[in-house]
Amino acid sequence: MLIDSNQIVSMTEANQNFSKVVKQAEDDGCVVIFKNNRPKFVLMDLDKCFGERLQTEDNLEDACIELMGKAKWL
């Protein structure tokens, strides 16, 4: 798995500066949060992933299921 080093954030950073990490996810599309020097969580901007497809709650649920299916390699 290749991760852009600019998208890596430590768990401590995410806890202390969550709004900064959210802004980074908005700008970059996603942020990988590391815990104990290993990738543990991914924070993604769903609008960038799915765009206009997220107009209804049903579409959001379908999109999240699709995204989780793709992320099984994480």
N, C-alpha and C. Protein backbone atom coordinates (compact mmCIF):
# COMPACT_ATOMS: atom_id res chain seq x y z
N MET A 1 0.85 -1.18 0.00
CA MET A 1 0.00 0.00 0.00
C MET A 1 0.90 1.23 0.00
N LEU A 2 0.67 2.11 -0.94
CA LEU A 2 1.43 3.35 -1.02
C LEU A 2 0.61 4.48 -0.44
N ILE A 3 1.23 5.22 0.47
CA ILE A 3 0.57 6.36 1.10
C ILE A 3 1.45 7.58 0.89
N ASP A 4 0.86 8.65 0.41
CA ASP A 4 1.58 9.91 0.26
C ASP A 4 1.96 10.42 1.65
N SER A 5 3.23 10.67 1.87
CA SER A 5 3.69 11.09 3.20
C SER A 5 3.06 12.41 3.64
N ASN A 6 2.58 13.22 2.71
CA ASN A 6 1.91 14.47 3.07
C ASN A 6 0.52 14.23 3.65
N GLN A 7 -0.02 13.03 3.45
CA GLN A 7 -1.35 12.71 3.93
C GLN A 7 -1.32 11.94 5.26
N ILE A 8 -0.15 11.75 5.83
CA ILE A 8 -0.02 11.01 7.09
C ILE A 8 -0.12 11.98 8.27
N VAL A 9 -0.95 11.60 9.24
CA VAL A 9 -1.13 12.39 10.46
C VAL A 9 -1.08 11.41 11.63
N SER A 10 -0.42 11.80 12.71
CA SER A 10 -0.39 10.94 13.88
C SER A 10 -1.71 11.02 14.64
N MET A 11 -1.98 10.01 15.44
CA MET A 11 -3.19 10.00 16.26
C MET A 11 -3.19 11.20 17.21
N THR A 12 -2.04 11.53 17.77
CA THR A 12 -1.93 12.67 18.67
C THR A 12 -2.31 13.96 17.96
N GLU A 13 -1.79 14.14 16.76
CA GLU A 13 -2.12 15.34 15.97
C GLU A 13 -3.61 15.38 15.67
N ALA A 14 -4.19 14.25 15.29
CA ALA A 14 -5.62 14.20 14.98
C ALA A 14 -6.46 14.54 16.21
N ASN A 15 -6.06 14.07 17.38
CA ASN A 15 -6.79 14.37 18.61
C ASN A 15 -6.68 15.84 19.01
N GLN A 16 -5.49 16.39 18.89
CA GLN A 16 -5.25 17.75 19.37
C GLN A 16 -5.68 18.82 18.37
N ASN A 17 -5.65 18.49 17.08
CA ASN A 17 -5.94 19.48 16.04
C ASN A 17 -6.91 18.91 15.01
N PHE A 18 -8.05 18.41 15.48
CA PHE A 18 -8.96 17.73 14.57
C PHE A 18 -9.44 18.63 13.43
N SER A 19 -9.74 19.88 13.72
CA SER A 19 -10.21 20.77 12.65
C SER A 19 -9.14 20.98 11.59
N LYS A 20 -7.89 21.00 11.97
CA LYS A 20 -6.78 21.13 11.01
C LYS A 20 -6.70 19.88 10.13
N VAL A 21 -6.88 18.71 10.75
CA VAL A 21 -6.83 17.45 10.01
C VAL A 21 -8.02 17.36 9.04
N VAL A 22 -9.20 17.82 9.47
CA VAL A 22 -10.37 17.85 8.60
C VAL A 22 -10.11 18.77 7.40
N LYS A 23 -9.54 19.92 7.65
CA LYS A 23 -9.21 20.85 6.56
C LYS A 23 -8.24 20.20 5.57
N GLN A 24 -7.26 19.48 6.10
CA GLN A 24 -6.30 18.79 5.24
C GLN A 24 -7.01 17.72 4.41
N ALA A 25 -7.94 16.99 5.01
CA ALA A 25 -8.70 15.98 4.27
C ALA A 25 -9.55 16.64 3.18
N GLU A 26 -10.11 17.80 3.46
CA GLU A 26 -10.88 18.54 2.46
C GLU A 26 -9.99 18.95 1.30
N ASP A 27 -8.79 19.39 1.60
CA ASP A 27 -7.86 19.85 0.56
C ASP A 27 -7.29 18.69 -0.26
N ASP A 28 -6.90 17.61 0.43
CA ASP A 28 -6.20 16.50 -0.23
C ASP A 28 -7.11 15.35 -0.63
N GLY A 29 -8.34 15.33 -0.13
CA GLY A 29 -9.25 14.23 -0.43
C GLY A 29 -9.31 13.19 0.67
N CYS A 30 -8.16 12.92 1.30
CA CYS A 30 -8.15 12.00 2.43
C CYS A 30 -6.88 12.19 3.26
N VAL A 31 -6.95 11.71 4.48
CA VAL A 31 -5.81 11.74 5.41
C VAL A 31 -5.74 10.37 6.06
N VAL A 32 -4.53 9.84 6.19
CA VAL A 32 -4.33 8.56 6.86
C VAL A 32 -3.81 8.84 8.26
N ILE A 33 -4.53 8.36 9.26
CA ILE A 33 -4.14 8.59 10.66
C ILE A 33 -3.39 7.36 11.16
N PHE A 34 -2.18 7.59 11.62
CA PHE A 34 -1.33 6.52 12.12
C PHE A 34 -1.45 6.40 13.64
N LYS A 35 -1.50 5.18 14.12
CA LYS A 35 -1.48 4.89 15.55
C LYS A 35 -0.39 3.86 15.78
N ASN A 36 0.51 4.15 16.70
CA ASN A 36 1.65 3.27 16.98
C ASN A 36 2.46 2.98 15.71
N ASN A 37 2.68 4.02 14.92
CA ASN A 37 3.48 3.96 13.69
C ASN A 37 2.92 3.03 12.62
N ARG A 38 1.62 2.80 12.65
CA ARG A 38 0.96 1.98 11.64
C ARG A 38 -0.32 2.68 11.19
N PRO A 39 -0.67 2.58 9.90
CA PRO A 39 -1.93 3.19 9.45
C PRO A 39 -3.11 2.53 10.14
N LYS A 40 -3.99 3.34 10.72
CA LYS A 40 -5.11 2.81 11.49
C LYS A 40 -6.46 3.32 10.97
N PHE A 41 -6.54 4.60 10.59
CA PHE A 41 -7.80 5.20 10.16
C PHE A 41 -7.58 6.02 8.90
N VAL A 42 -8.66 6.18 8.14
CA VAL A 42 -8.65 7.05 6.97
C VAL A 42 -9.80 8.04 7.13
N LEU A 43 -9.50 9.31 7.01
CA LEU A 43 -10.51 10.37 7.04
C LEU A 43 -10.64 10.88 5.61
N MET A 44 -11.85 10.70 5.04
CA MET A 44 -12.05 11.06 3.63
C MET A 44 -13.13 12.11 3.48
N ASP A 45 -12.96 12.95 2.47
CA ASP A 45 -13.98 13.90 2.07
C ASP A 45 -14.88 13.19 1.07
N LEU A 46 -16.09 12.82 1.51
CA LEU A 46 -16.99 12.05 0.65
C LEU A 46 -17.41 12.81 -0.59
N ASP A 47 -17.50 14.14 -0.50
CA ASP A 47 -17.86 14.92 -1.68
C ASP A 47 -16.83 14.75 -2.78
N LYS A 48 -15.56 14.68 -2.41
CA LYS A 48 -14.51 14.50 -3.42
C LYS A 48 -14.52 13.09 -3.98
N CYS A 49 -14.92 12.12 -3.16
CA CYS A 49 -14.97 10.73 -3.62
C CYS A 49 -16.16 10.47 -4.52
N PHE A 50 -17.32 11.01 -4.16
CA PHE A 50 -18.55 10.65 -4.85
C PHE A 50 -19.27 11.81 -5.51
N GLY A 51 -18.90 13.02 -5.21
CA GLY A 51 -19.47 14.19 -5.86
C GLY A 51 -20.98 14.27 -5.80
N GLU A 52 -21.61 14.42 -6.94
CA GLU A 52 -23.05 14.64 -7.04
C GLU A 52 -23.88 13.42 -6.65
N ARG A 53 -23.27 12.26 -6.55
CA ARG A 53 -24.02 11.04 -6.23
C ARG A 53 -24.57 11.06 -4.81
N LEU A 54 -24.11 11.97 -3.97
CA LEU A 54 -24.54 12.00 -2.57
C LEU A 54 -25.67 12.99 -2.33
N GLN A 55 -26.71 12.93 -3.11
CA GLN A 55 -27.81 13.87 -2.96
C GLN A 55 -28.88 13.39 -1.99
N THR A 56 -28.99 12.09 -1.80
CA THR A 56 -30.01 11.56 -0.89
C THR A 56 -29.35 10.67 0.15
N GLU A 57 -30.07 10.41 1.23
CA GLU A 57 -29.55 9.57 2.30
C GLU A 57 -29.30 8.15 1.79
N ASP A 58 -30.17 7.64 0.90
CA ASP A 58 -29.98 6.31 0.34
C ASP A 58 -28.69 6.24 -0.46
N ASN A 59 -28.42 7.29 -1.23
CA ASN A 59 -27.18 7.34 -2.00
C ASN A 59 -25.97 7.36 -1.07
N LEU A 60 -26.07 8.07 0.05
CA LEU A 60 -24.97 8.13 0.99
C LEU A 60 -24.67 6.75 1.55
N GLU A 61 -25.72 6.02 1.93
CA GLU A 61 -25.52 4.68 2.47
C GLU A 61 -24.89 3.77 1.41
N ASP A 62 -25.39 3.81 0.19
CA ASP A 62 -24.83 3.00 -0.88
C ASP A 62 -23.36 3.37 -1.14
N ALA A 63 -23.06 4.66 -1.14
CA ALA A 63 -21.70 5.12 -1.38
C ALA A 63 -20.76 4.65 -0.28
N CYS A 64 -21.22 4.70 0.96
CA CYS A 64 -20.38 4.26 2.08
C CYS A 64 -20.12 2.76 2.00
N ILE A 65 -21.13 1.99 1.64
CA ILE A 65 -20.95 0.54 1.48
C ILE A 65 -19.95 0.26 0.37
N GLU A 66 -20.07 0.99 -0.73
CA GLU A 66 -19.14 0.82 -1.84
C GLU A 66 -17.72 1.18 -1.42
N LEU A 67 -17.58 2.28 -0.72
CA LEU A 67 -16.26 2.72 -0.26
C LEU A 67 -15.64 1.73 0.71
N MET A 68 -16.44 1.20 1.63
CA MET A 68 -15.92 0.22 2.59
C MET A 68 -15.49 -1.06 1.88
N GLY A 69 -16.20 -1.42 0.83
CA GLY A 69 -15.82 -2.60 0.04
C GLY A 69 -14.48 -2.40 -0.64
N LYS A 70 -14.23 -1.20 -1.13
CA LYS A 70 -12.96 -0.88 -1.78
C LYS A 70 -11.82 -0.80 -0.77
N ALA A 71 -12.13 -0.45 0.48
CA ALA A 71 -11.09 -0.20 1.48
C ALA A 71 -10.68 -1.44 2.25
N LYS A 72 -11.15 -2.61 1.87
CA LYS A 72 -10.80 -3.82 2.60
C LYS A 72 -9.30 -4.10 2.60
N TRP A 73 -8.58 -3.54 1.65
CA TRP A 73 -7.13 -3.74 1.60
C TRP A 73 -6.40 -2.92 2.65
N LEU A 74 -7.06 -1.97 3.26
CA LEU A 74 -6.40 -1.09 4.24
C LEU A 74 -6.03 -1.84 5.49
